[in-house]
Structures are given as structure tokens and as C-alpha cells.
Amino acid sequence: YAVALMGKIMCYAICALALDLIWGYTGILSLGHGLFFALGGYMMGMYLMRQIGRDGQYQSDLPDFMVFLDWKQLPWHWWFSDSFVATLLLVVLVPGLLAGVFGYFAFRSRIKGVYFSIITQAMTFAAMLLFFRNETGFGGNNGFTDFKRILGLPIATPGTRMVLFVLTGVTLLGFFLLARGLVNSKYGRVLQAIRDAESRVMFSGYSPLPYKLSIWVISAVMCAVAGALYVPQVGIINPGEMSPANSIEMAVWAAVGGRATLVGPIVGAFLVNGAKSWLTVVAPEFWLYCLGALFIAVTLFLPQGVVGLLKSRQRKGDPS
């Protein structure tokens, strides 16, 4: 249980880190990153469903939900789902392409601030409604579950779970190093300049569009990879992962830990989800109220987050 829980939280930490790049360092608050997380999860879920083979309830080459709906063949968007390599490519390409197209038109139109946040949340909600429909071929409201194998290995064995756990940790570390390299480079300094004064960046001869679009796509792909790692560890993916509330929670993780710190959102993801795991067992009906109160408290009294507060105190205590 502990391995599965920590693996799940590390996936959330990747999402928080991804949101920090776009929100903390570029000043663009997305309330739709849950969509990219879910898309990565669905790409992996399709592969895992194909791996079930004839071990399903209906002993068919088609996934059980397709047999139940009396489908006779796989739809076109399932054609490459039996290939692990193709799945890895789709985990990156599908969310990346969607983010690229959406971001291009949004940033070219100079949409920003609360309007951008509302549009991203509307996009996520629309996608959730689409995936709830049975005819789309994504399992409807039940989604995908009852996975058996991954790369031919039983998915529920302790050994496989430990491999997934370690892989998630390595991925989190890799993304952290990538993010640190980006924000400490000239590219990262331009992003921070866009956050602080976009008009001045334009007057200096830089076009904000390619910078905003590229970091937006990178952030989306990071969330998608997190979703792909999440699904085999929790054993299910459904449209509920696209819920606007999930995207809002990602913003809470980043805010609690501290925006524009990289470490902070990771810490926030562990703190908030650790508290959630405990409170949803002890008093599940109070969790949403506690989450809302936490976000308000952090916004009003701890705008720098936990890590930001520690850093500011450290600077004050430094005699130099």
C-alpha cells in the first residue's frame, strides 16, 4: 500500500512541477492540466487493455467494454495500442499536439490572466463530457480497469509495482533536473521576464509567443508522462481524472509548496496528498472544505508557500 501511495503522489508531484514552470515561472495559471494528465493515462490505459487479451470476462480479443457494447472491431484510434513503443510516442504526441494547437491560438490572441484560466478549465470539462460517452471508445464513465500485464509481466506483483515506483521516482528526478536547467538558462530568464513585464519583453525585441508556447507544451507533456506512470500503479483511468477539481488541486499543490521554487510544488504535492490520504479515511466528508480553506489560507497568509517562507527566513537570518 505504501509503495502504491508514494508512487501515486510522485506522479502528482510531476504535475505540480509542470504547473510551476507555466504558472510560477511564466505567470500563466492553467486550470486544465488535469486534461493532459488524463490523456497520458488513457494512452497507457489503452495499451494495458490490449494486454489483457483473452483473459477478460468475455475471452475476446476486444476489450470487455467493447464486447458488452456489441462492437465488432477496434476503432481507428486503437490501432497502435498493442505496441508499447507506439504507446510511449502517443503519450507524448497526443497531449503535446493538443497543447500546441490550443496554446498557439490562445497565446497568439493574447489571452491571459483569469480568461486563460477559465478557457483551460472549460476545455478540460468539455473533454471530460466527451470521454463519458460510450461511442467514443474510451470505456464511458467506467473508463479502463482490471489490467493484467505490462510488457508481459503481471502488473499486480510486488516486483512490478516496485519497478514502477522506482521508474516514477527516476522520472520525477529527471524532470526536476530538466526544469532547473530550463529556469536557470537564458530561456528561463526570458520566461520570468514575460511573467513580470511582458510588454517590456516585447519592447526589448523578443516575441513572447514561442517562449510561452514551448513551455506550455513542455508542461503539458510532463503531466501526460505522469498520467502514463499513474495508471498502471492505481489500476484504473476514467473521465473523472479530467474533473476541473483535479486541475484546481494541482494549483493548490504548487501554491502550498511555493511557486517559482521547483522544490516547493513537489513538497506541496506530498504535504497535501499525504493529508488527503489521512483525512479521507478519518473524515472524508470534510476533505473538500479543508482543501478550500487551505488554498484561501495560503493565498492570504502564505503567498510564498512553505518553501518560499523558509527561503525568506533563511535570507533574513543570513548576516551577510
C-alpha atoms as a PDB file:
ATOM      1  CA  TYR A   1       0.000   0.000   0.000  1.00  0.00           C
ATOM      2  CA  ALA A   2       2.769   2.439   0.930  1.00  0.00           C
ATOM      3  CA  VAL A   3       4.601   1.820  -2.352  1.00  0.00           C
ATOM      4  CA  ALA A   4       1.436   2.406  -4.387  1.00  0.00           C
ATOM      5  CA  LEU A   5       0.581   5.550  -2.403  1.00  0.00           C
ATOM      6  CA  MET A   6       4.049   7.063  -2.707  1.00  0.00           C
ATOM      7  CA  GLY A   7       4.170   6.198  -6.402  1.00  0.00           C
ATOM      8  CA  LYS A   8       0.849   7.945  -6.924  1.00  0.00           C
ATOM      9  CA  ILE A   9       1.973  11.037  -5.020  1.00  0.00           C
ATOM     10  CA  MET A  10       5.197  11.198  -7.042  1.00  0.00           C
ATOM     11  CA  CYS A  11       3.063  11.290 -10.193  1.00  0.00           C
ATOM     12  CA  TYR A  12       1.168  14.195  -8.668  1.00  0.00           C
ATOM     13  CA  ALA A  13       4.496  15.853  -7.815  1.00  0.00           C
ATOM     14  CA  ILE A  14       5.468  15.740 -11.501  1.00  0.00           C
ATOM     15  CA  CYS A  15       2.208  17.543 -12.314  1.00  0.00           C
ATOM     16  CA  ALA A  16       2.895  20.160  -9.649  1.00  0.00           C
ATOM     17  CA  LEU A  17       6.396  20.683 -11.041  1.00  0.00           C
ATOM     18  CA  ALA A  18       4.956  21.026 -14.549  1.00  0.00           C
ATOM     19  CA  LEU A  19       2.456  23.612 -13.347  1.00  0.00           C
ATOM     20  CA  ASP A  20       5.226  25.547 -11.611  1.00  0.00           C
ATOM     21  CA  LEU A  21       7.002  26.012 -14.939  1.00  0.00           C
ATOM     22  CA  ILE A  22       3.956  27.561 -16.568  1.00  0.00           C
ATOM     23  CA  TRP A  23       2.475  29.361 -13.543  1.00  0.00           C
ATOM     24  CA  GLY A  24       5.366  30.077 -11.197  1.00  0.00           C
ATOM     25  CA  TYR A  25       7.954  30.999 -13.815  1.00  0.00           C
ATOM     26  CA  THR A  26       5.832  32.254 -16.719  1.00  0.00           C
ATOM     27  CA  GLY A  27       2.842  33.706 -14.888  1.00  0.00           C
ATOM     28  CA  ILE A  28       0.221  31.663 -16.754  1.00  0.00           C
ATOM     29  CA  LEU A  29      -2.260  29.904 -14.474  1.00  0.00           C
ATOM     30  CA  SER A  30      -3.655  26.804 -16.140  1.00  0.00           C
ATOM     31  CA  LEU A  31      -6.709  25.134 -14.653  1.00  0.00           C
ATOM     32  CA  GLY A  32      -6.714  22.455 -17.327  1.00  0.00           C
ATOM     33  CA  HIS A  33      -3.582  20.405 -16.736  1.00  0.00           C
ATOM     34  CA  GLY A  34      -5.748  17.556 -15.478  1.00  0.00           C
ATOM     35  CA  LEU A  35      -6.695  17.004 -19.129  1.00  0.00           C
ATOM     36  CA  PHE A  36      -3.096  16.356 -20.183  1.00  0.00           C
ATOM     37  CA  PHE A  37      -2.578  14.097 -17.172  1.00  0.00           C
ATOM     38  CA  ALA A  38      -5.668  12.086 -18.109  1.00  0.00           C
ATOM     39  CA  LEU A  39      -4.734  11.885 -21.800  1.00  0.00           C
ATOM     40  CA  GLY A  40      -1.373  10.368 -20.910  1.00  0.00           C
ATOM     41  CA  GLY A  41      -3.195   7.958 -18.636  1.00  0.00           C
ATOM     42  CA  TYR A  42      -5.667   6.994 -21.345  1.00  0.00           C
ATOM     43  CA  MET A  43      -2.881   6.310 -23.852  1.00  0.00           C
ATOM     44  CA  MET A  44      -1.256   3.933 -21.367  1.00  0.00           C
ATOM     45  CA  GLY A  45      -4.644   2.506 -20.363  1.00  0.00           C
ATOM     46  CA  MET A  46      -5.412   1.557 -23.974  1.00  0.00           C
ATOM     47  CA  TYR A  47      -2.160  -0.396 -24.150  1.00  0.00           C
ATOM     48  CA  LEU A  48      -2.885  -2.144 -20.842  1.00  0.00           C
ATOM     49  CA  MET A  49      -6.395  -3.066 -22.014  1.00  0.00           C
ATOM     50  CA  ARG A  50      -4.949  -4.693 -25.129  1.00  0.00           C
ATOM     51  CA  GLN A  51      -2.522  -6.627 -22.931  1.00  0.00           C
ATOM     52  CA  ILE A  52      -5.460  -8.345 -21.220  1.00  0.00           C
ATOM     53  CA  GLY A  53      -6.089 -10.323 -24.410  1.00  0.00           C
ATOM     54  CA  ARG A  54      -8.414 -13.277 -23.933  1.00  0.00           C
ATOM     55  CA  ASP A  55      -8.073 -13.199 -20.146  1.00  0.00           C
ATOM     56  CA  GLY A  56     -11.007 -10.814 -19.928  1.00  0.00           C
ATOM     57  CA  GLN A  57     -14.516 -11.687 -18.833  1.00  0.00           C
ATOM     58  CA  TYR A  58     -15.711 -12.320 -22.407  1.00  0.00           C
ATOM     59  CA  GLN A  59     -12.485 -14.047 -23.565  1.00  0.00           C
ATOM     60  CA  SER A  60     -12.338 -11.852 -26.660  1.00  0.00           C
ATOM     61  CA  ASP A  61      -9.521 -10.040 -28.432  1.00  0.00           C
ATOM     62  CA  LEU A  62     -11.548  -6.874 -27.943  1.00  0.00           C
ATOM     63  CA  PRO A  63     -11.649  -5.117 -24.550  1.00  0.00           C
ATOM     64  CA  ASP A  64     -14.578  -6.236 -22.412  1.00  0.00           C
ATOM     65  CA  PHE A  65     -16.460  -2.940 -22.647  1.00  0.00           C
ATOM     66  CA  MET A  66     -16.417  -3.148 -26.456  1.00  0.00           C
ATOM     67  CA  VAL A  67     -17.839  -6.663 -26.366  1.00  0.00           C
ATOM     68  CA  PHE A  68     -20.526  -5.508 -23.938  1.00  0.00           C
ATOM     69  CA  LEU A  69     -21.443  -2.675 -26.329  1.00  0.00           C
ATOM     70  CA  ASP A  70     -21.532  -5.171 -29.223  1.00  0.00           C
ATOM     71  CA  TRP A  71     -18.606  -3.654 -31.104  1.00  0.00           C
ATOM     72  CA  LYS A  72     -17.231  -5.922 -33.820  1.00  0.00           C
ATOM     73  CA  GLN A  73     -13.794  -4.381 -34.331  1.00  0.00           C
ATOM     74  CA  LEU A  74     -11.369  -1.916 -32.838  1.00  0.00           C
ATOM     75  CA  PRO A  75     -11.940   1.762 -33.717  1.00  0.00           C
ATOM     76  CA  TRP A  76      -9.174   3.517 -35.636  1.00  0.00           C
ATOM     77  CA  HIS A  77      -7.721   5.277 -32.622  1.00  0.00           C
ATOM     78  CA  TRP A  78      -6.937   1.879 -31.049  1.00  0.00           C
ATOM     79  CA  TRP A  79      -4.896   0.581 -33.997  1.00  0.00           C
ATOM     80  CA  PHE A  80      -1.464   1.156 -32.417  1.00  0.00           C
ATOM     81  CA  SER A  81      -2.492   0.447 -28.835  1.00  0.00           C
ATOM     82  CA  ASP A  82      -0.934  -3.029 -28.791  1.00  0.00           C
ATOM     83  CA  SER A  83       2.578  -1.604 -29.256  1.00  0.00           C
ATOM     84  CA  PHE A  84       4.407  -0.342 -26.168  1.00  0.00           C
ATOM     85  CA  VAL A  85       6.761   1.820 -28.240  1.00  0.00           C
ATOM     86  CA  ALA A  86       3.843   3.387 -30.117  1.00  0.00           C
ATOM     87  CA  THR A  87       2.094   3.963 -26.789  1.00  0.00           C
ATOM     88  CA  LEU A  88       5.094   5.848 -25.411  1.00  0.00           C
ATOM     89  CA  LEU A  89       5.120   8.032 -28.519  1.00  0.00           C
ATOM     90  CA  LEU A  90       1.386   8.688 -28.242  1.00  0.00           C
ATOM     91  CA  VAL A  91       1.740   9.598 -24.555  1.00  0.00           C
ATOM     92  CA  VAL A  92       3.967  12.469 -25.688  1.00  0.00           C
ATOM     93  CA  LEU A  93       2.478  13.336 -29.084  1.00  0.00           C
ATOM     94  CA  VAL A  94      -1.266  13.421 -28.374  1.00  0.00           C
ATOM     95  CA  PRO A  95      -1.196  15.767 -25.350  1.00  0.00           C
ATOM     96  CA  GLY A  96       1.699  17.716 -26.869  1.00  0.00           C
ATOM     97  CA  LEU A  97      -0.179  18.290 -30.122  1.00  0.00           C
ATOM     98  CA  LEU A  98      -3.365  19.314 -28.325  1.00  0.00           C
ATOM     99  CA  ALA A  99      -1.419  21.690 -26.094  1.00  0.00           C
ATOM    100  CA  GLY A 100       0.431  23.098 -29.094  1.00  0.00           C
ATOM    101  CA  VAL A 101      -2.700  23.828 -31.117  1.00  0.00           C
ATOM    102  CA  PHE A 102      -4.622  25.236 -28.160  1.00  0.00           C
ATOM    103  CA  GLY A 103      -1.667  27.264 -26.910  1.00  0.00           C
ATOM    104  CA  TYR A 104      -0.866  28.720 -30.319  1.00  0.00           C
ATOM    105  CA  PHE A 105      -4.316  30.201 -30.816  1.00  0.00           C
ATOM    106  CA  ALA A 106      -4.662  31.278 -27.171  1.00  0.00           C
ATOM    107  CA  PHE A 107      -1.282  32.998 -26.942  1.00  0.00           C
ATOM    108  CA  ARG A 108      -1.497  34.473 -30.433  1.00  0.00           C
ATOM    109  CA  SER A 109      -4.794  36.050 -29.397  1.00  0.00           C
ATOM    110  CA  ARG A 110      -3.059  37.475 -26.311  1.00  0.00           C
ATOM    111  CA  ILE A 111      -5.467  35.723 -23.952  1.00  0.00           C
ATOM    112  CA  LYS A 112      -4.095  35.918 -20.430  1.00  0.00           C
ATOM    113  CA  GLY A 113      -4.975  36.098 -16.765  1.00  0.00           C
ATOM    114  CA  VAL A 114      -8.285  34.802 -15.500  1.00  0.00           C
ATOM    115  CA  TYR A 115      -9.635  34.489 -19.056  1.00  0.00           C
ATOM    116  CA  PHE A 116      -6.950  31.962 -19.942  1.00  0.00           C
ATOM    117  CA  SER A 117      -7.624  30.028 -16.734  1.00  0.00           C
ATOM    118  CA  ILE A 118     -11.349  29.868 -17.480  1.00  0.00           C
ATOM    119  CA  ILE A 119     -10.755  28.696 -21.055  1.00  0.00           C
ATOM    120  CA  THR A 120      -8.406  25.912 -19.938  1.00  0.00           C
ATOM    121  CA  GLN A 121     -10.949  24.734 -17.400  1.00  0.00           C
ATOM    122  CA  ALA A 122     -13.716  24.825 -20.000  1.00  0.00           C
ATOM    123  CA  MET A 123     -11.562  22.749 -22.358  1.00  0.00           C
ATOM    124  CA  THR A 124     -10.973  20.169 -19.634  1.00  0.00           C
ATOM    125  CA  PHE A 125     -14.656  19.996 -18.755  1.00  0.00           C
ATOM    126  CA  ALA A 126     -15.647  19.582 -22.409  1.00  0.00           C
ATOM    127  CA  ALA A 127     -13.135  16.750 -22.826  1.00  0.00           C
ATOM    128  CA  MET A 128     -14.488  15.059 -19.705  1.00  0.00           C
ATOM    129  CA  LEU A 129     -18.019  15.127 -21.110  1.00  0.00           C
ATOM    130  CA  LEU A 130     -16.736  13.719 -24.412  1.00  0.00           C
ATOM    131  CA  PHE A 131     -14.929  10.832 -22.732  1.00  0.00           C
ATOM    132  CA  PHE A 132     -18.037   9.973 -20.717  1.00  0.00           C
ATOM    133  CA  ARG A 133     -19.802   8.993 -23.963  1.00  0.00           C
ATOM    134  CA  ASN A 134     -19.664   5.268 -24.770  1.00  0.00           C
ATOM    135  CA  GLU A 135     -19.434   5.797 -28.533  1.00  0.00           C
ATOM    136  CA  THR A 136     -16.036   7.492 -28.247  1.00  0.00           C
ATOM    137  CA  GLY A 137     -14.406   4.146 -27.476  1.00  0.00           C
ATOM    138  CA  PHE A 138     -12.834   5.106 -24.148  1.00  0.00           C
ATOM    139  CA  GLY A 139     -14.942   2.994 -21.811  1.00  0.00           C
ATOM    140  CA  GLY A 140     -17.535   5.606 -20.915  1.00  0.00           C
ATOM    141  CA  ASN A 141     -17.887   6.575 -17.273  1.00  0.00           C
ATOM    142  CA  ASN A 142     -16.192   3.338 -16.142  1.00  0.00           C
ATOM    143  CA  GLY A 143     -13.053   4.012 -18.152  1.00  0.00           C
ATOM    144  CA  PHE A 144     -10.359   1.328 -18.195  1.00  0.00           C
ATOM    145  CA  THR A 145      -9.568  -1.066 -15.351  1.00  0.00           C
ATOM    146  CA  ASP A 146      -8.846  -4.705 -14.486  1.00  0.00           C
ATOM    147  CA  PHE A 147      -5.366  -4.564 -16.028  1.00  0.00           C
ATOM    148  CA  LYS A 148      -3.437  -7.841 -16.093  1.00  0.00           C
ATOM    149  CA  ARG A 149       0.013  -7.283 -17.580  1.00  0.00           C
ATOM    150  CA  ILE A 150       2.524  -4.697 -18.701  1.00  0.00           C
ATOM    151  CA  LEU A 151       5.262  -5.774 -21.113  1.00  0.00           C
ATOM    152  CA  GLY A 152       4.161  -9.346 -20.454  1.00  0.00           C
ATOM    153  CA  LEU A 153       4.728  -9.063 -16.683  1.00  0.00           C
ATOM    154  CA  PRO A 154       1.903  -9.427 -14.135  1.00  0.00           C
ATOM    155  CA  ILE A 155       1.049  -5.883 -13.139  1.00  0.00           C
ATOM    156  CA  ALA A 156      -0.076  -6.598  -9.570  1.00  0.00           C
ATOM    157  CA  THR A 157       3.041  -8.399  -8.303  1.00  0.00           C
ATOM    158  CA  PRO A 158       5.255  -6.637  -5.720  1.00  0.00           C
ATOM    159  CA  GLY A 159       8.216  -6.766  -8.101  1.00  0.00           C
ATOM    160  CA  THR A 160       6.377  -4.984 -10.907  1.00  0.00           C
ATOM    161  CA  ARG A 161       4.977  -2.407  -8.518  1.00  0.00           C
ATOM    162  CA  MET A 162       8.442  -1.691  -7.160  1.00  0.00           C
ATOM    163  CA  VAL A 163       9.817  -1.245 -10.686  1.00  0.00           C
ATOM    164  CA  LEU A 164       7.025   1.235 -11.474  1.00  0.00           C
ATOM    165  CA  PHE A 165       7.696   3.044  -8.198  1.00  0.00           C
ATOM    166  CA  VAL A 166      11.406   3.391  -8.915  1.00  0.00           C
ATOM    167  CA  LEU A 167      10.719   4.433 -12.508  1.00  0.00           C
ATOM    168  CA  THR A 168       8.366   7.141 -11.262  1.00  0.00           C
ATOM    169  CA  GLY A 169      10.990   8.416  -8.835  1.00  0.00           C
ATOM    170  CA  VAL A 170      13.653   8.500 -11.545  1.00  0.00           C
ATOM    171  CA  THR A 171      11.254  10.335 -13.871  1.00  0.00           C
ATOM    172  CA  LEU A 172      10.468  12.904 -11.181  1.00  0.00           C
ATOM    173  CA  LEU A 173      14.182  13.475 -10.602  1.00  0.00           C
ATOM    174  CA  GLY A 174      14.828  13.741 -14.341  1.00  0.00           C
ATOM    175  CA  PHE A 175      12.054  16.289 -14.825  1.00  0.00           C
ATOM    176  CA  PHE A 176      13.297  18.272 -11.833  1.00  0.00           C
ATOM    177  CA  LEU A 177      16.793  18.473 -13.310  1.00  0.00           C
ATOM    178  CA  LEU A 178      15.317  19.428 -16.687  1.00  0.00           C
ATOM    179  CA  ALA A 179      13.186  22.146 -15.100  1.00  0.00           C
ATOM    180  CA  ARG A 180      16.135  23.512 -13.125  1.00  0.00           C
ATOM    181  CA  GLY A 181      18.230  23.636 -16.270  1.00  0.00           C
ATOM    182  CA  LEU A 182      15.473  25.471 -18.129  1.00  0.00           C
ATOM    183  CA  VAL A 183      14.774  28.122 -15.491  1.00  0.00           C
ATOM    184  CA  ASN A 184      18.473  28.832 -14.898  1.00  0.00           C
ATOM    185  CA  SER A 185      19.179  29.333 -18.600  1.00  0.00           C
ATOM    186  CA  LYS A 186      18.662  32.398 -20.783  1.00  0.00           C
ATOM    187  CA  TYR A 187      15.399  30.781 -21.879  1.00  0.00           C
ATOM    188  CA  GLY A 188      14.246  30.667 -18.260  1.00  0.00           C
ATOM    189  CA  ARG A 189      15.189  34.290 -17.657  1.00  0.00           C
ATOM    190  CA  VAL A 190      13.060  35.322 -20.628  1.00  0.00           C
ATOM    191  CA  LEU A 191      10.147  33.321 -19.194  1.00  0.00           C
ATOM    192  CA  GLN A 192      10.475  35.139 -15.878  1.00  0.00           C
ATOM    193  CA  ALA A 193      10.677  38.459 -17.696  1.00  0.00           C
ATOM    194  CA  ILE A 194       7.438  37.587 -19.501  1.00  0.00           C
ATOM    195  CA  ARG A 195       5.869  36.821 -16.131  1.00  0.00           C
ATOM    196  CA  ASP A 196       6.975  40.125 -14.609  1.00  0.00           C
ATOM    197  CA  ALA A 197       6.534  42.504 -17.561  1.00  0.00           C
ATOM    198  CA  GLU A 198       5.520  41.006 -20.899  1.00  0.00           C
ATOM    199  CA  SER A 199       5.257  44.397 -22.591  1.00  0.00           C
ATOM    200  CA  ARG A 200       8.874  45.195 -21.730  1.00  0.00           C
ATOM    201  CA  VAL A 201       9.961  41.888 -23.215  1.00  0.00           C
ATOM    202  CA  MET A 202       8.241  42.842 -26.459  1.00  0.00           C
ATOM    203  CA  PHE A 203       9.882  46.278 -26.446  1.00  0.00           C
ATOM    204  CA  SER A 204      13.252  44.538 -25.990  1.00  0.00           C
ATOM    205  CA  GLY A 205      12.788  42.728 -29.286  1.00  0.00           C
ATOM    206  CA  TYR A 206      11.596  39.338 -28.021  1.00  0.00           C
ATOM    207  CA  SER A 207       8.396  37.692 -29.187  1.00  0.00           C
ATOM    208  CA  PRO A 208       6.677  36.101 -26.160  1.00  0.00           C
ATOM    209  CA  LEU A 209       4.692  33.647 -28.315  1.00  0.00           C
ATOM    210  CA  PRO A 210       7.388  30.981 -28.943  1.00  0.00           C
ATOM    211  CA  TYR A 211       8.529  31.100 -25.318  1.00  0.00           C
ATOM    212  CA  LYS A 212       5.032  30.798 -23.857  1.00  0.00           C
ATOM    213  CA  LEU A 213       4.004  28.145 -26.365  1.00  0.00           C
ATOM    214  CA  SER A 214       7.105  25.991 -25.866  1.00  0.00           C
ATOM    215  CA  ILE A 215       6.959  25.993 -22.052  1.00  0.00           C
ATOM    216  CA  TRP A 216       3.210  25.323 -22.253  1.00  0.00           C
ATOM    217  CA  VAL A 217       3.800  22.229 -24.399  1.00  0.00           C
ATOM    218  CA  ILE A 218       6.684  21.033 -22.190  1.00  0.00           C
ATOM    219  CA  SER A 219       4.487  21.414 -19.117  1.00  0.00           C
ATOM    220  CA  ALA A 220       1.617  19.521 -20.773  1.00  0.00           C
ATOM    221  CA  VAL A 221       3.876  16.643 -21.835  1.00  0.00           C
ATOM    222  CA  MET A 222       5.270  16.355 -18.305  1.00  0.00           C
ATOM    223  CA  CYS A 223       1.722  15.953 -16.986  1.00  0.00           C
ATOM    224  CA  ALA A 224       0.970  13.351 -19.663  1.00  0.00           C
ATOM    225  CA  VAL A 225       4.017  11.289 -18.696  1.00  0.00           C
ATOM    226  CA  ALA A 226       2.892  11.490 -15.068  1.00  0.00           C
ATOM    227  CA  GLY A 227      -0.522  10.183 -16.111  1.00  0.00           C
ATOM    228  CA  ALA A 228       1.048   7.293 -18.016  1.00  0.00           C
ATOM    229  CA  LEU A 229       3.010   6.305 -14.895  1.00  0.00           C
ATOM    230  CA  TYR A 230      -0.035   6.778 -12.669  1.00  0.00           C
ATOM    231  CA  VAL A 231      -2.421   4.383 -14.407  1.00  0.00           C
ATOM    232  CA  PRO A 232      -0.533   1.077 -14.015  1.00  0.00           C
ATOM    233  CA  GLN A 233       0.071   1.886 -10.348  1.00  0.00           C
ATOM    234  CA  VAL A 234      -3.524   2.706  -9.378  1.00  0.00           C
ATOM    235  CA  GLY A 235      -5.132   0.246 -11.807  1.00  0.00           C
ATOM    236  CA  ILE A 236      -7.794   2.494 -13.299  1.00  0.00           C
ATOM    237  CA  ILE A 237      -8.342   5.545 -15.509  1.00  0.00           C
ATOM    238  CA  ASN A 238     -11.723   7.172 -16.130  1.00  0.00           C
ATOM    239  CA  PRO A 239     -13.068  10.587 -17.183  1.00  0.00           C
ATOM    240  CA  GLY A 240     -13.173  11.652 -13.547  1.00  0.00           C
ATOM    241  CA  GLU A 241      -9.441  12.351 -13.817  1.00  0.00           C
ATOM    242  CA  MET A 242     -10.370  15.247 -16.123  1.00  0.00           C
ATOM    243  CA  SER A 243     -12.556  16.804 -13.464  1.00  0.00           C
ATOM    244  CA  PRO A 244     -11.891  20.547 -13.109  1.00  0.00           C
ATOM    245  CA  ALA A 245     -11.404  19.936  -9.386  1.00  0.00           C
ATOM    246  CA  ASN A 246      -8.310  17.846 -10.144  1.00  0.00           C
ATOM    247  CA  SER A 247      -6.726  20.686 -12.096  1.00  0.00           C
ATOM    248  CA  ILE A 248      -7.519  23.088  -9.270  1.00  0.00           C
ATOM    249  CA  GLU A 249      -5.845  20.707  -6.818  1.00  0.00           C
ATOM    250  CA  MET A 250      -2.654  20.911  -8.888  1.00  0.00           C
ATOM    251  CA  ALA A 251      -2.674  24.674  -8.393  1.00  0.00           C
ATOM    252  CA  VAL A 252      -3.152  24.132  -4.659  1.00  0.00           C
ATOM    253  CA  TRP A 253      -0.085  21.851  -4.523  1.00  0.00           C
ATOM    254  CA  ALA A 254       2.047  24.480  -6.226  1.00  0.00           C
ATOM    255  CA  ALA A 255       0.690  27.302  -4.058  1.00  0.00           C
ATOM    256  CA  VAL A 256       1.150  25.428  -0.779  1.00  0.00           C
ATOM    257  CA  GLY A 257       4.711  24.398  -1.566  1.00  0.00           C
ATOM    258  CA  GLY A 258       5.717  27.703  -3.115  1.00  0.00           C
ATOM    259  CA  ARG A 259       5.608  28.892  -6.703  1.00  0.00           C
ATOM    260  CA  ALA A 260       8.764  29.575  -8.704  1.00  0.00           C
ATOM    261  CA  THR A 261      10.871  27.365  -6.434  1.00  0.00           C
ATOM    262  CA  LEU A 262      10.702  23.979  -8.258  1.00  0.00           C
ATOM    263  CA  VAL A 263      11.149  22.135  -4.954  1.00  0.00           C
ATOM    264  CA  GLY A 264       8.103  23.816  -3.444  1.00  0.00           C
ATOM    265  CA  PRO A 265       5.411  22.286  -5.671  1.00  0.00           C
ATOM    266  CA  ILE A 266       6.913  18.835  -5.092  1.00  0.00           C
ATOM    267  CA  VAL A 267       6.793  19.408  -1.337  1.00  0.00           C
ATOM    268  CA  GLY A 268       3.259  20.759  -1.659  1.00  0.00           C
ATOM    269  CA  ALA A 269       2.120  17.676  -3.577  1.00  0.00           C
ATOM    270  CA  PHE A 270       3.440  15.408  -0.831  1.00  0.00           C
ATOM    271  CA  LEU A 271       2.007  17.519   2.003  1.00  0.00           C
ATOM    272  CA  VAL A 272      -1.468  17.984   0.537  1.00  0.00           C
ATOM    273  CA  ASN A 273      -1.885  14.430  -0.744  1.00  0.00           C
ATOM    274  CA  GLY A 274      -0.471  12.966   2.448  1.00  0.00           C
ATOM    275  CA  ALA A 275      -3.072  14.934   4.383  1.00  0.00           C
ATOM    276  CA  LYS A 276      -5.745  13.892   1.886  1.00  0.00           C
ATOM    277  CA  SER A 277      -4.912  10.189   2.297  1.00  0.00           C
ATOM    278  CA  TRP A 278      -5.274  10.506   6.054  1.00  0.00           C
ATOM    279  CA  LEU A 279      -8.304  12.794   6.179  1.00  0.00           C
ATOM    280  CA  THR A 280     -10.349  10.915   3.572  1.00  0.00           C
ATOM    281  CA  VAL A 281     -10.145   7.894   5.870  1.00  0.00           C
ATOM    282  CA  VAL A 282     -10.810   9.716   9.147  1.00  0.00           C
ATOM    283  CA  ALA A 283     -13.371  12.287   7.958  1.00  0.00           C
ATOM    284  CA  PRO A 284     -13.943  12.041   4.189  1.00  0.00           C
ATOM    285  CA  GLU A 285     -16.858  14.485   4.169  1.00  0.00           C
ATOM    286  CA  PHE A 286     -14.605  17.330   5.356  1.00  0.00           C
ATOM    287  CA  TRP A 287     -11.794  16.975   2.825  1.00  0.00           C
ATOM    288  CA  LEU A 288     -13.104  19.414   0.204  1.00  0.00           C
ATOM    289  CA  TYR A 289     -13.799  22.029   2.873  1.00  0.00           C
ATOM    290  CA  CYS A 290     -10.279  21.616   4.242  1.00  0.00           C
ATOM    291  CA  LEU A 291      -8.796  21.885   0.749  1.00  0.00           C
ATOM    292  CA  GLY A 292     -10.668  25.112   0.048  1.00  0.00           C
ATOM    293  CA  ALA A 293      -9.727  26.568   3.429  1.00  0.00           C
ATOM    294  CA  LEU A 294      -6.101  25.606   2.856  1.00  0.00           C
ATOM    295  CA  PHE A 295      -5.985  27.372  -0.509  1.00  0.00           C
ATOM    296  CA  ILE A 296      -7.545  30.531   0.950  1.00  0.00           C
ATOM    297  CA  ALA A 297      -5.181  30.488   3.932  1.00  0.00           C
ATOM    298  CA  VAL A 298      -2.117  30.058   1.741  1.00  0.00           C
ATOM    299  CA  THR A 299      -3.245  32.824  -0.616  1.00  0.00           C
ATOM    300  CA  LEU A 300      -3.874  35.295   2.217  1.00  0.00           C
ATOM    301  CA  PHE A 301      -1.208  34.443   4.774  1.00  0.00           C
ATOM    302  CA  LEU A 302       1.456  32.415   2.970  1.00  0.00           C
ATOM    303  CA  PRO A 303       1.682  33.721  -0.613  1.00  0.00           C
ATOM    304  CA  GLN A 304       5.232  32.411  -0.993  1.00  0.00           C
ATOM    305  CA  GLY A 305       4.281  28.903   0.110  1.00  0.00           C
ATOM    306  CA  VAL A 306       6.130  26.721   2.582  1.00  0.00           C
ATOM    307  CA  VAL A 307       9.449  26.637   0.730  1.00  0.00           C
ATOM    308  CA  GLY A 308       9.251  30.333  -0.133  1.00  0.00           C
ATOM    309  CA  LEU A 309       8.702  31.172   3.548  1.00  0.00           C
ATOM    310  CA  LEU A 310      11.684  29.064   4.607  1.00  0.00           C
ATOM    311  CA  LYS A 311      13.886  30.724   1.991  1.00  0.00           C
ATOM    312  CA  SER A 312      12.845  34.225   3.051  1.00  0.00           C
ATOM    313  CA  ARG A 313      13.545  33.431   6.706  1.00  0.00           C
ATOM    314  CA  GLN A 314      16.906  31.992   5.736  1.00  0.00           C
ATOM    315  CA  ARG A 315      17.781  35.199   3.887  1.00  0.00           C
ATOM    316  CA  LYS A 316      16.734  37.327   6.875  1.00  0.00           C
ATOM    317  CA  GLY A 317      18.843  35.212   9.198  1.00  0.00           C
ATOM    318  CA  ASP A 318      21.910  35.470   6.974  1.00  0.00           C
ATOM    319  CA  PRO A 319      24.131  38.239   8.425  1.00  0.00           C
ATOM    320  CA  SER A 320      25.815  38.809   5.057  1.00  0.00           C
END
